PDB file of N, CA and C in Angstrom:
ATOM      1  N   MET A   1     128.156  80.396 105.351  1.00  0.00           N
ATOM      2  CA  MET A   1     128.226  81.548 106.206  1.00  0.00           C
ATOM      3  C   MET A   1     127.101  82.517 105.822  1.00  0.00           C
ATOM      4  N   ILE A   2     126.425  83.059 106.802  1.00  0.00           N
ATOM      5  CA  ILE A   2     125.344  84.011 106.577  1.00  0.00           C
ATOM      6  C   ILE A   2     125.953  85.396 106.389  1.00  0.00           C
ATOM      7  N   LEU A   3     125.660  86.000 105.242  1.00  0.00           N
ATOM      8  CA  LEU A   3     126.181  87.327 104.950  1.00  0.00           C
ATOM      9  C   LEU A   3     125.166  88.418 105.253  1.00  0.00           C
ATOM     10  N   ASP A   4     123.899  88.103 105.043  1.00  0.00           N
ATOM     11  CA  ASP A   4     122.861  89.096 105.238  1.00  0.00           C
ATOM     12  C   ASP A   4     121.549  88.390 105.543  1.00  0.00           C
ATOM     13  N   ARG A   5     120.743  88.991 106.376  1.00  0.00           N
ATOM     14  CA  ARG A   5     119.451  88.410 106.719  1.00  0.00           C
ATOM     15  C   ARG A   5     118.359  89.332 106.215  1.00  0.00           C
ATOM     16  N   ILE A   6     117.694  88.901 105.147  1.00  0.00           N
ATOM     17  CA  ILE A   6     116.578  89.662 104.623  1.00  0.00           C
ATOM     18  C   ILE A   6     115.392  88.722 104.431  1.00  0.00           C
ATOM     19  N   PRO A   7     114.200  89.195 104.702  1.00  0.00           N
ATOM     20  CA  PRO A   7     113.031  88.338 104.489  1.00  0.00           C
ATOM     21  C   PRO A   7     112.758  88.174 102.989  1.00  0.00           C
ATOM     22  N   ILE A   8     112.380  86.973 102.614  1.00  0.00           N
ATOM     23  CA  ILE A   8     112.023  86.709 101.216  1.00  0.00           C
ATOM     24  C   ILE A   8     110.706  85.942 101.187  1.00  0.00           C
ATOM     25  N   ASN A   9     109.954  86.137 100.119  1.00  0.00           N
ATOM     26  CA  ASN A   9     108.679  85.451 100.009  1.00  0.00           C
ATOM     27  C   ASN A   9     108.872  84.037  99.465  1.00  0.00           C
ATOM     28  N   MET A  10     107.820  83.255  99.490  1.00  0.00           N
ATOM     29  CA  MET A  10     107.925  81.844  99.104  1.00  0.00           C
ATOM     30  C   MET A  10     108.327  81.662  97.645  1.00  0.00           C
ATOM     31  N   ASN A  11     107.941  82.569  96.778  1.00  0.00           N
ATOM     32  CA  ASN A  11     108.347  82.476  95.380  1.00  0.00           C
ATOM     33  C   ASN A  11     109.847  82.658  95.225  1.00  0.00           C
ATOM     34  N   GLU A  12     110.414  83.542  96.010  1.00  0.00           N
ATOM     35  CA  GLU A  12     111.863  83.729  95.978  1.00  0.00           C
ATOM     36  C   GLU A  12     112.569  82.501  96.549  1.00  0.00           C
ATOM     37  N   VAL A  13     111.984  81.893  97.558  1.00  0.00           N
ATOM     38  CA  VAL A  13     112.545  80.657  98.123  1.00  0.00           C
ATOM     39  C   VAL A  13     112.533  79.556  97.074  1.00  0.00           C
ATOM     40  N   SER A  14     111.449  79.454  96.324  1.00  0.00           N
ATOM     41  CA  SER A  14     111.362  78.393  95.308  1.00  0.00           C
ATOM     42  C   SER A  14     112.444  78.554  94.240  1.00  0.00           C
ATOM     43  N   GLU A  15     112.803  79.799  93.913  1.00  0.00           N
ATOM     44  CA  GLU A  15     113.879  80.036  92.951  1.00  0.00           C
ATOM     45  C   GLU A  15     115.230  79.599  93.523  1.00  0.00           C
ATOM     46  N   ILE A  16     115.445  79.847  94.800  1.00  0.00           N
ATOM     47  CA  ILE A  16     116.697  79.450  95.451  1.00  0.00           C
ATOM     48  C   ILE A  16     116.793  77.942  95.546  1.00  0.00           C
ATOM     49  N   VAL A  17     115.680  77.300  95.861  1.00  0.00           N
ATOM     50  CA  VAL A  17     115.660  75.841  96.042  1.00  0.00           C
ATOM     51  C   VAL A  17     115.989  75.123  94.733  1.00  0.00           C
ATOM     52  N   LYS A  18     115.657  75.726  93.603  1.00  0.00           N
ATOM     53  CA  LYS A  18     115.954  75.112  92.304  1.00  0.00           C
ATOM     54  C   LYS A  18     117.453  74.854  92.122  1.00  0.00           C
ATOM     55  N   ASP A  19     118.283  75.690  92.751  1.00  0.00           N
ATOM     56  CA  ASP A  19     119.733  75.577  92.599  1.00  0.00           C
ATOM     57  C   ASP A  19     120.370  74.562  93.542  1.00  0.00           C
ATOM     58  N   ILE A  20     119.579  74.014  94.467  1.00  0.00           N
ATOM     59  CA  ILE A  20     120.098  73.047  95.432  1.00  0.00           C
ATOM     60  C   ILE A  20     120.087  71.652  94.810  1.00  0.00           C
ATOM     61  N   ASP A  21     121.112  70.872  95.129  1.00  0.00           N
ATOM     62  CA  ASP A  21     121.161  69.497  94.636  1.00  0.00           C
ATOM     63  C   ASP A  21     119.997  68.698  95.216  1.00  0.00           C
ATOM     64  N   ASP A  22     119.582  67.671  94.469  1.00  0.00           N
ATOM     65  CA  ASP A  22     118.476  66.830  94.926  1.00  0.00           C
ATOM     66  C   ASP A  22     118.810  66.153  96.248  1.00  0.00           C
ATOM     67  N   SER A  23     117.854  66.219  97.154  1.00  0.00           N
ATOM     68  CA  SER A  23     117.996  65.584  98.458  1.00  0.00           C
ATOM     69  C   SER A  23     116.599  65.445  99.063  1.00  0.00           C
ATOM     70  N   PRO A  24     116.466  64.610 100.081  1.00  0.00           N
ATOM     71  CA  PRO A  24     115.156  64.506 100.736  1.00  0.00           C
ATOM     72  C   PRO A  24     114.690  65.842 101.324  1.00  0.00           C
ATOM     73  N   ARG A  25     115.616  66.628 101.816  1.00  0.00           N
ATOM     74  CA  ARG A  25     115.276  67.935 102.404  1.00  0.00           C
ATOM     75  C   ARG A  25     114.719  68.877 101.329  1.00  0.00           C
ATOM     76  N   LYS A  26     115.315  68.828 100.138  1.00  0.00           N
ATOM     77  CA  LYS A  26     114.830  69.669  99.039  1.00  0.00           C
ATOM     78  C   LYS A  26     113.411  69.279  98.671  1.00  0.00           C
ATOM     79  N   GLU A  27     113.134  67.993  98.652  1.00  0.00           N
ATOM     80  CA  GLU A  27     111.787  67.517  98.325  1.00  0.00           C
ATOM     81  C   GLU A  27     110.770  68.007  99.354  1.00  0.00           C
ATOM     82  N   GLU A  28     111.151  67.996 100.624  1.00  0.00           N
ATOM     83  CA  GLU A  28     110.267  68.491 101.688  1.00  0.00           C
ATOM     84  C   GLU A  28     109.956  69.972 101.484  1.00  0.00           C
ATOM     85  N   ILE A  29     110.968  70.722 101.162  1.00  0.00           N
ATOM     86  CA  ILE A  29     110.784  72.158 100.949  1.00  0.00           C
ATOM     87  C   ILE A  29     109.874  72.400  99.751  1.00  0.00           C
ATOM     88  N   GLU A  30     110.103  71.675  98.672  1.00  0.00           N
ATOM     89  CA  GLU A  30     109.274  71.838  97.478  1.00  0.00           C
ATOM     90  C   GLU A  30     107.818  71.472  97.741  1.00  0.00           C
ATOM     91  N   LEU A  31     107.587  70.414  98.508  1.00  0.00           N
ATOM     92  CA  LEU A  31     106.218  70.029  98.854  1.00  0.00           C
ATOM     93  C   LEU A  31     105.548  71.116  99.690  1.00  0.00           C
ATOM     94  N   TYR A  32     106.277  71.663 100.638  1.00  0.00           N
ATOM     95  CA  TYR A  32     105.743  72.741 101.478  1.00  0.00           C
ATOM     96  C   TYR A  32     105.378  73.948 100.616  1.00  0.00           C
ATOM     97  N   LEU A  33     106.290  74.330  99.739  1.00  0.00           N
ATOM     98  CA  LEU A  33     106.035  75.491  98.883  1.00  0.00           C
ATOM     99  C   LEU A  33     104.837  75.252  97.974  1.00  0.00           C
ATOM    100  N   LYS A  34     104.754  74.064  97.418  1.00  0.00           N
ATOM    101  CA  LYS A  34     103.639  73.728  96.536  1.00  0.00           C
ATOM    102  C   LYS A  34     102.310  73.820  97.278  1.00  0.00           C
ATOM    103  N   LYS A  35     102.319  73.422  98.536  1.00  0.00           N
ATOM    104  CA  LYS A  35     101.104  73.418  99.337  1.00  0.00           C
ATOM    105  C   LYS A  35     100.659  74.833  99.724  1.00  0.00           C
ATOM    106  N   PHE A  36     101.607  75.718 100.020  1.00  0.00           N
ATOM    107  CA  PHE A  36     101.260  77.014 100.586  1.00  0.00           C
ATOM    108  C   PHE A  36     101.452  78.223  99.670  1.00  0.00           C
ATOM    109  N   MET A  37     102.135  78.075  98.548  1.00  0.00           N
ATOM    110  CA  MET A  37     102.308  79.219  97.652  1.00  0.00           C
ATOM    111  C   MET A  37     100.982  79.547  96.993  1.00  0.00           C
ATOM    112  N   LYS A  38     100.603  80.811  97.053  1.00  0.00           N
ATOM    113  CA  LYS A  38      99.321  81.241  96.504  1.00  0.00           C
ATOM    114  C   LYS A  38      99.451  81.970  95.173  1.00  0.00           C
ATOM    115  N   THR A  39     100.661  82.350  94.810  1.00  0.00           N
ATOM    116  CA  THR A  39     100.849  83.116  93.579  1.00  0.00           C
ATOM    117  C   THR A  39     101.929  82.497  92.713  1.00  0.00           C
ATOM    118  N   LYS A  40     101.904  82.894  91.467  1.00  0.00           N
ATOM    119  CA  LYS A  40     102.967  82.521  90.550  1.00  0.00           C
ATOM    120  C   LYS A  40     104.080  83.561  90.694  1.00  0.00           C
ATOM    121  N   PRO A  41     105.294  83.194  90.343  1.00  0.00           N
ATOM    122  CA  PRO A  41     106.422  84.122  90.530  1.00  0.00           C
ATOM    123  C   PRO A  41     106.231  85.493  89.886  1.00  0.00           C
ATOM    124  N   ASP A  42     105.650  85.544  88.680  1.00  0.00           N
ATOM    125  CA  ASP A  42     105.469  86.843  88.022  1.00  0.00           C
ATOM    126  C   ASP A  42     104.442  87.707  88.755  1.00  0.00           C
ATOM    127  N   HIS A  43     103.393  87.096  89.300  1.00  0.00           N
ATOM    128  CA  HIS A  43     102.403  87.843  90.083  1.00  0.00           C
ATOM    129  C   HIS A  43     103.022  88.342  91.388  1.00  0.00           C
ATOM    130  N   ALA A  44     103.792  87.489  92.039  1.00  0.00           N
ATOM    131  CA  ALA A  44     104.432  87.871  93.300  1.00  0.00           C
ATOM    132  C   ALA A  44     105.384  89.049  93.082  1.00  0.00           C
ATOM    133  N   LYS A  45     106.136  88.988  92.009  1.00  0.00           N
ATOM    134  CA  LYS A  45     107.085  90.063  91.710  1.00  0.00           C
ATOM    135  C   LYS A  45     106.347  91.368  91.425  1.00  0.00           C
ATOM    136  N   LYS A  46     105.241  91.269  90.695  1.00  0.00           N
ATOM    137  CA  LYS A  46     104.452  92.457  90.364  1.00  0.00           C
ATOM    138  C   LYS A  46     103.868  93.093  91.632  1.00  0.00           C
ATOM    139  N   ILE A  47     103.308  92.267  92.510  1.00  0.00           N
ATOM    140  CA  ILE A  47     102.748  92.774  93.764  1.00  0.00           C
ATOM    141  C   ILE A  47     103.836  93.463  94.585  1.00  0.00           C
ATOM    142  N   LYS A  48     104.965  92.779  94.715  1.00  0.00           N
ATOM    143  CA  LYS A  48     106.075  93.323  95.501  1.00  0.00           C
ATOM    144  C   LYS A  48     106.528  94.679  94.959  1.00  0.00           C
ATOM    145  N   GLU A  49     106.713  94.774  93.647  1.00  0.00           N
ATOM    146  CA  GLU A  49     107.185  96.013  93.034  1.00  0.00           C
ATOM    147  C   GLU A  49     106.175  97.147  93.200  1.00  0.00           C
ATOM    148  N   GLU A  50     104.889  96.828  93.033  1.00  0.00           N
ATOM    149  CA  GLU A  50     103.872  97.869  93.138  1.00  0.00           C
ATOM    150  C   GLU A  50     103.713  98.367  94.576  1.00  0.00           C
ATOM    151  N   ILE A  51     103.827  97.477  95.541  1.00  0.00           N
ATOM    152  CA  ILE A  51     103.743  97.911  96.937  1.00  0.00           C
ATOM    153  C   ILE A  51     104.976  98.735  97.303  1.00  0.00           C
ATOM    154  N   GLU A  52     106.144  98.321  96.830  1.00  0.00           N
ATOM    155  CA  GLU A  52     107.354  99.113  97.071  1.00  0.00           C
ATOM    156  C   GLU A  52     107.234 100.487  96.429  1.00  0.00           C
ATOM    157  N   ALA A  53     106.539 100.574  95.284  1.00  0.00           N
ATOM    158  CA  ALA A  53     106.374 101.843  94.578  1.00  0.00           C
ATOM    159  C   ALA A  53     105.489 102.817  95.351  1.00  0.00           C
ATOM    160  N   LEU A  54     104.687 102.308  96.290  1.00  0.00           N
ATOM    161  CA  LEU A  54     103.878 103.198  97.131  1.00  0.00           C
ATOM    162  C   LEU A  54     104.761 104.090  97.984  1.00  0.00           C
ATOM    163  N   ASP A  55     105.977 103.618  98.260  1.00  0.00           N
ATOM    164  CA  ASP A  55     106.996 104.385  98.973  1.00  0.00           C
ATOM    165  C   ASP A  55     106.501 104.903 100.325  1.00  0.00           C
ATOM    166  N   SER A  56     105.863 104.024 101.069  1.00  0.00           N
ATOM    167  CA  SER A  56     105.362 104.381 102.394  1.00  0.00           C
ATOM    168  C   SER A  56     106.370 103.940 103.454  1.00  0.00           C
ATOM    169  N   ILE A  57     106.657 104.818 104.387  1.00  0.00           N
ATOM    170  CA  ILE A  57     107.604 104.456 105.440  1.00  0.00           C
ATOM    171  C   ILE A  57     106.999 103.455 106.426  1.00  0.00           C
ATOM    172  N   LYS A  58     105.686 103.320 106.410  1.00  0.00           N
ATOM    173  CA  LYS A  58     105.021 102.364 107.293  1.00  0.00           C
ATOM    174  C   LYS A  58     105.177 100.929 106.807  1.00  0.00           C
ATOM    175  N   ILE A  59     105.350 100.760 105.505  1.00  0.00           N
ATOM    176  CA  ILE A  59     105.399  99.423 104.915  1.00  0.00           C
ATOM    177  C   ILE A  59     106.849  98.969 104.823  1.00  0.00           C
ATOM    178  N   LYS A  60     107.185  97.981 105.631  1.00  0.00           N
ATOM    179  CA  LYS A  60     108.545  97.440 105.657  1.00  0.00           C
ATOM    180  C   LYS A  60     108.623  96.200 104.777  1.00  0.00           C
ATOM    181  N   ARG A  61     109.833  95.758 104.524  1.00  0.00           N
ATOM    182  CA  ARG A  61     110.044  94.571 103.692  1.00  0.00           C
ATOM    183  C   ARG A  61     109.348  93.343 104.296  1.00  0.00           C
ATOM    184  N   ASP A  62     109.364  93.230 105.617  1.00  0.00           N
ATOM    185  CA  ASP A  62     108.676  92.121 106.290  1.00  0.00           C
ATOM    186  C   ASP A  62     107.193  92.099 105.933  1.00  0.00           C
ATOM    187  N   HIS A  63     106.595  93.286 105.922  1.00  0.00           N
ATOM    188  CA  HIS A  63     105.175  93.387 105.591  1.00  0.00           C
ATOM    189  C   HIS A  63     104.912  92.976 104.151  1.00  0.00           C
ATOM    190  N   ILE A  64     105.763  93.418 103.251  1.00  0.00           N
ATOM    191  CA  ILE A  64     105.584  93.095 101.835  1.00  0.00           C
ATOM    192  C   ILE A  64     105.668  91.590 101.619  1.00  0.00           C
ATOM    193  N   VAL A  65     106.618  90.946 102.272  1.00  0.00           N
ATOM    194  CA  VAL A  65     106.768  89.494 102.151  1.00  0.00           C
ATOM    195  C   VAL A  65     105.498  88.786 102.626  1.00  0.00           C
ATOM    196  N   LYS A  66     104.962  89.223 103.751  1.00  0.00           N
ATOM    197  CA  LYS A  66     103.742  88.599 104.276  1.00  0.00           C
ATOM    198  C   LYS A  66     102.555  88.852 103.358  1.00  0.00           C
ATOM    199  N   ILE A  67     102.475  90.046 102.797  1.00  0.00           N
ATOM    200  CA  ILE A  67     101.377  90.359 101.876  1.00  0.00           C
ATOM    201  C   ILE A  67     101.445  89.449 100.658  1.00  0.00           C
ATOM    202  N   VAL A  68     102.633  89.304 100.082  1.00  0.00           N
ATOM    203  CA  VAL A  68     102.800  88.456  98.896  1.00  0.00           C
ATOM    204  C   VAL A  68     102.482  86.998  99.219  1.00  0.00           C
ATOM    205  N   ASP A  69     102.906  86.523 100.380  1.00  0.00           N
ATOM    206  CA  ASP A  69     102.671  85.127 100.750  1.00  0.00           C
ATOM    207  C   ASP A  69     101.217  84.842 101.120  1.00  0.00           C
ATOM    208  N   LEU A  70     100.561  85.783 101.790  1.00  0.00           N
ATOM    209  CA  LEU A  70      99.216  85.530 102.312  1.00  0.00           C
ATOM    210  C   LEU A  70      98.091  86.066 101.430  1.00  0.00           C
ATOM    211  N   LEU A  71      98.378  87.064 100.619  1.00  0.00           N
ATOM    212  CA  LEU A  71      97.380  87.707  99.767  1.00  0.00           C
ATOM    213  C   LEU A  71      96.089  88.032 100.525  1.00  0.00           C
ATOM    214  N   PRO A  72      96.154  88.968 101.459  1.00  0.00           N
ATOM    215  CA  PRO A  72      94.959  89.306 102.227  1.00  0.00           C
ATOM    216  C   PRO A  72      93.835  89.804 101.322  1.00  0.00           C
ATOM    217  N   ALA A  73      92.611  89.395 101.635  1.00  0.00           N
ATOM    218  CA  ALA A  73      91.467  89.719 100.796  1.00  0.00           C
ATOM    219  C   ALA A  73      90.719  90.965 101.253  1.00  0.00           C
ATOM    220  N   ASP A  74      90.857  91.326 102.515  1.00  0.00           N
ATOM    221  CA  ASP A  74      90.143  92.497 103.013  1.00  0.00           C
ATOM    222  C   ASP A  74      90.977  93.222 104.065  1.00  0.00           C
ATOM    223  N   SER A  75      90.437  94.322 104.555  1.00  0.00           N
ATOM    224  CA  SER A  75      91.196  95.162 105.485  1.00  0.00           C
ATOM    225  C   SER A  75      91.490  94.468 106.809  1.00  0.00           C
ATOM    226  N   SER A  76      90.600  93.614 107.270  1.00  0.00           N
ATOM    227  CA  SER A  76      90.867  92.925 108.542  1.00  0.00           C
ATOM    228  C   SER A  76      92.045  91.960 108.403  1.00  0.00           C
ATOM    229  N   ASP A  77      92.114  91.268 107.263  1.00  0.00           N
ATOM    230  CA  ASP A  77      93.263  90.387 107.014  1.00  0.00           C
ATOM    231  C   ASP A  77      94.554  91.190 106.906  1.00  0.00           C
ATOM    232  N   LEU A  78      94.483  92.318 106.244  1.00  0.00           N
ATOM    233  CA  LEU A  78      95.666  93.160 106.064  1.00  0.00           C
ATOM    234  C   LEU A  78      96.132  93.742 107.399  1.00  0.00           C
ATOM    235  N   ASN A  79      95.204  94.122 108.248  1.00  0.00           N
ATOM    236  CA  ASN A  79      95.568  94.675 109.556  1.00  0.00           C
ATOM    237  C   ASN A  79      96.236  93.646 110.455  1.00  0.00           C
ATOM    238  N   LYS A  80      95.993  92.378 110.208  1.00  0.00           N
ATOM    239  CA  LYS A  80      96.666  91.324 110.974  1.00  0.00           C
ATOM    240  C   LYS A  80      98.156  91.268 110.638  1.00  0.00           C
ATOM    241  N   ILE A  81      98.505  91.690 109.462  1.00  0.00           N
ATOM    242  CA  ILE A  81      99.912  91.741 109.052  1.00  0.00           C
ATOM    243  C   ILE A  81     100.590  92.954 109.676  1.00  0.00           C
ATOM    244  N   PHE A  82      99.900  94.068 109.705  1.00  0.00           N
ATOM    245  CA  PHE A  82     100.454  95.315 110.225  1.00  0.00           C
ATOM    246  C   PHE A  82     100.105  95.480 111.699  1.00  0.00           C
ATOM    247  N   THR A  83     100.727  94.683 112.540  1.00  0.00           N
ATOM    248  CA  THR A  83     100.447  94.746 113.972  1.00  0.00           C
ATOM    249  C   THR A  83     101.226  95.852 114.662  1.00  0.00           C
ATOM    250  N   ASP A  84     102.358  96.246 114.102  1.00  0.00           N
ATOM    251  CA  ASP A  84     103.205  97.251 114.738  1.00  0.00           C
ATOM    252  C   ASP A  84     102.894  98.686 114.312  1.00  0.00           C
ATOM    253  N   VAL A  85     102.200  98.858 113.195  1.00  0.00           N
ATOM    254  CA  VAL A  85     101.785 100.186 112.724  1.00  0.00           C
ATOM    255  C   VAL A  85     100.330 100.115 112.286  1.00  0.00           C
ATOM    256  N   SER A  86      99.702 101.257 112.192  1.00  0.00           N
ATOM    257  CA  SER A  86      98.326 101.248 111.689  1.00  0.00           C
ATOM    258  C   SER A  86      98.284 102.028 110.381  1.00  0.00           C
ATOM    259  N   LEU A  87      97.683 101.414 109.408  1.00  0.00           N
ATOM    260  CA  LEU A  87      97.535 102.045 108.107  1.00  0.00           C
ATOM    261  C   LEU A  87      96.223 102.810 108.063  1.00  0.00           C
ATOM    262  N   ASN A  88      96.208 103.904 107.320  1.00  0.00           N
ATOM    263  CA  ASN A  88      94.942 104.609 107.149  1.00  0.00           C
ATOM    264  C   ASN A  88      94.148 103.919 106.033  1.00  0.00           C
ATOM    265  N   GLU A  89      92.919 104.315 105.877  1.00  0.00           N
ATOM    266  CA  GLU A  89      92.023 103.651 104.923  1.00  0.00           C
ATOM    267  C   GLU A  89      92.539 103.741 103.491  1.00  0.00           C
ATOM    268  N   GLU A  90      93.136 104.859 103.136  1.00  0.00           N
ATOM    269  CA  GLU A  90      93.658 105.045 101.780  1.00  0.00           C
ATOM    270  C   GLU A  90      94.801 104.055 101.497  1.00  0.00           C
ATOM    271  N   GLU A  91      95.699 103.896 102.449  1.00  0.00           N
ATOM    272  CA  GLU A  91      96.822 102.962 102.273  1.00  0.00           C
ATOM    273  C   GLU A  91      96.318 101.531 102.165  1.00  0.00           C
ATOM    274  N   ILE A  92      95.350 101.179 102.991  1.00  0.00           N
ATOM    275  CA  ILE A  92      94.772  99.830 102.947  1.00  0.00           C
ATOM    276  C   ILE A  92      94.142  99.578 101.586  1.00  0.00           C
ATOM    277  N   ASN A  93      93.362 100.535 101.108  1.00  0.00           N
ATOM    278  CA  ASN A  93      92.693 100.372  99.813  1.00  0.00           C
ATOM    279  C   ASN A  93      93.684 100.251  98.660  1.00  0.00           C
ATOM    280  N   LYS A  94      94.776 101.007  98.712  1.00  0.00           N
ATOM    281  CA  LYS A  94      95.792 100.915  97.661  1.00  0.00           C
ATOM    282  C   LYS A  94      96.417  99.523  97.626  1.00  0.00           C
ATOM    283  N   ILE A  95      96.753  98.989  98.794  1.00  0.00           N
ATOM    284  CA  ILE A  95      97.375  97.664  98.858  1.00  0.00           C
ATOM    285  C   ILE A  95      96.400  96.597  98.384  1.00  0.00           C
ATOM    286  N   LEU A  96      95.167  96.674  98.837  1.00  0.00           N
ATOM    287  CA  LEU A  96      94.163  95.688  98.408  1.00  0.00           C
ATOM    288  C   LEU A  96      93.895  95.759  96.910  1.00  0.00           C
ATOM    289  N   GLU A  97      93.931  96.962  96.363  1.00  0.00           N
ATOM    290  CA  GLU A  97      93.736  97.140  94.919  1.00  0.00           C
ATOM    291  C   GLU A  97      94.897  96.506  94.149  1.00  0.00           C
ATOM    292  N   ILE A  98      96.105  96.677  94.647  1.00  0.00           N
ATOM    293  CA  ILE A  98      97.275  96.058  94.004  1.00  0.00           C
ATOM    294  C   ILE A  98      97.110  94.536  93.987  1.00  0.00           C
ATOM    295  N   ILE A  99      96.687  93.984  95.097  1.00  0.00           N
ATOM    296  CA  ILE A  99      96.508  92.528  95.180  1.00  0.00           C
ATOM    297  C   ILE A  99      95.419  92.070  94.222  1.00  0.00           C
ATOM    298  N   LYS A 100      94.316  92.806  94.198  1.00  0.00           N
ATOM    299  CA  LYS A 100      93.192  92.437  93.333  1.00  0.00           C
ATOM    300  C   LYS A 100      93.577  92.511  91.845  1.00  0.00           C
ATOM    301  N   ASN A 101      94.308  93.548  91.465  1.00  0.00           N
ATOM    302  CA  ASN A 101      94.688  93.735  90.058  1.00  0.00           C
ATOM    303  C   ASN A 101      95.756  92.753  89.588  1.00  0.00           C
ATOM    304  N   SER A 102      96.459  92.137  90.501  1.00  0.00           N
ATOM    305  CA  SER A 102      97.546  91.243  90.099  1.00  0.00           C
ATOM    306  C   SER A 102      97.063  89.839  89.763  1.00  0.00           C
ATOM    307  N   LYS A 103      95.825  89.522  90.104  1.00  0.00           N
ATOM    308  CA  LYS A 103      95.312  88.167  89.870  1.00  0.00           C
ATOM    309  C   LYS A 103      94.927  87.941  88.433  1.00  0.00           C
TER     310      LYS A 103
END
């Protein structure tokens, strides 16, 4: 039964998948995660926490998940994530700096 629907990044999914019994479906999920995960769990957690610490009302949990999963390298990549709001240059630079410092 679904109790709550919240977006989670791929690193959080990989932690959940570890608790699932072995099955062909689990193997498919693990292969997908291995192929597309760009960060290690500790880096993902650090990025997530630092972006949340910015305490901006423009940045929603959905945005943070996409940032952690995609790791945008420049402002044009970041603006593709924020299609519903527009960030000012200072906010963009702060987020990009967080991503750069976490590597």
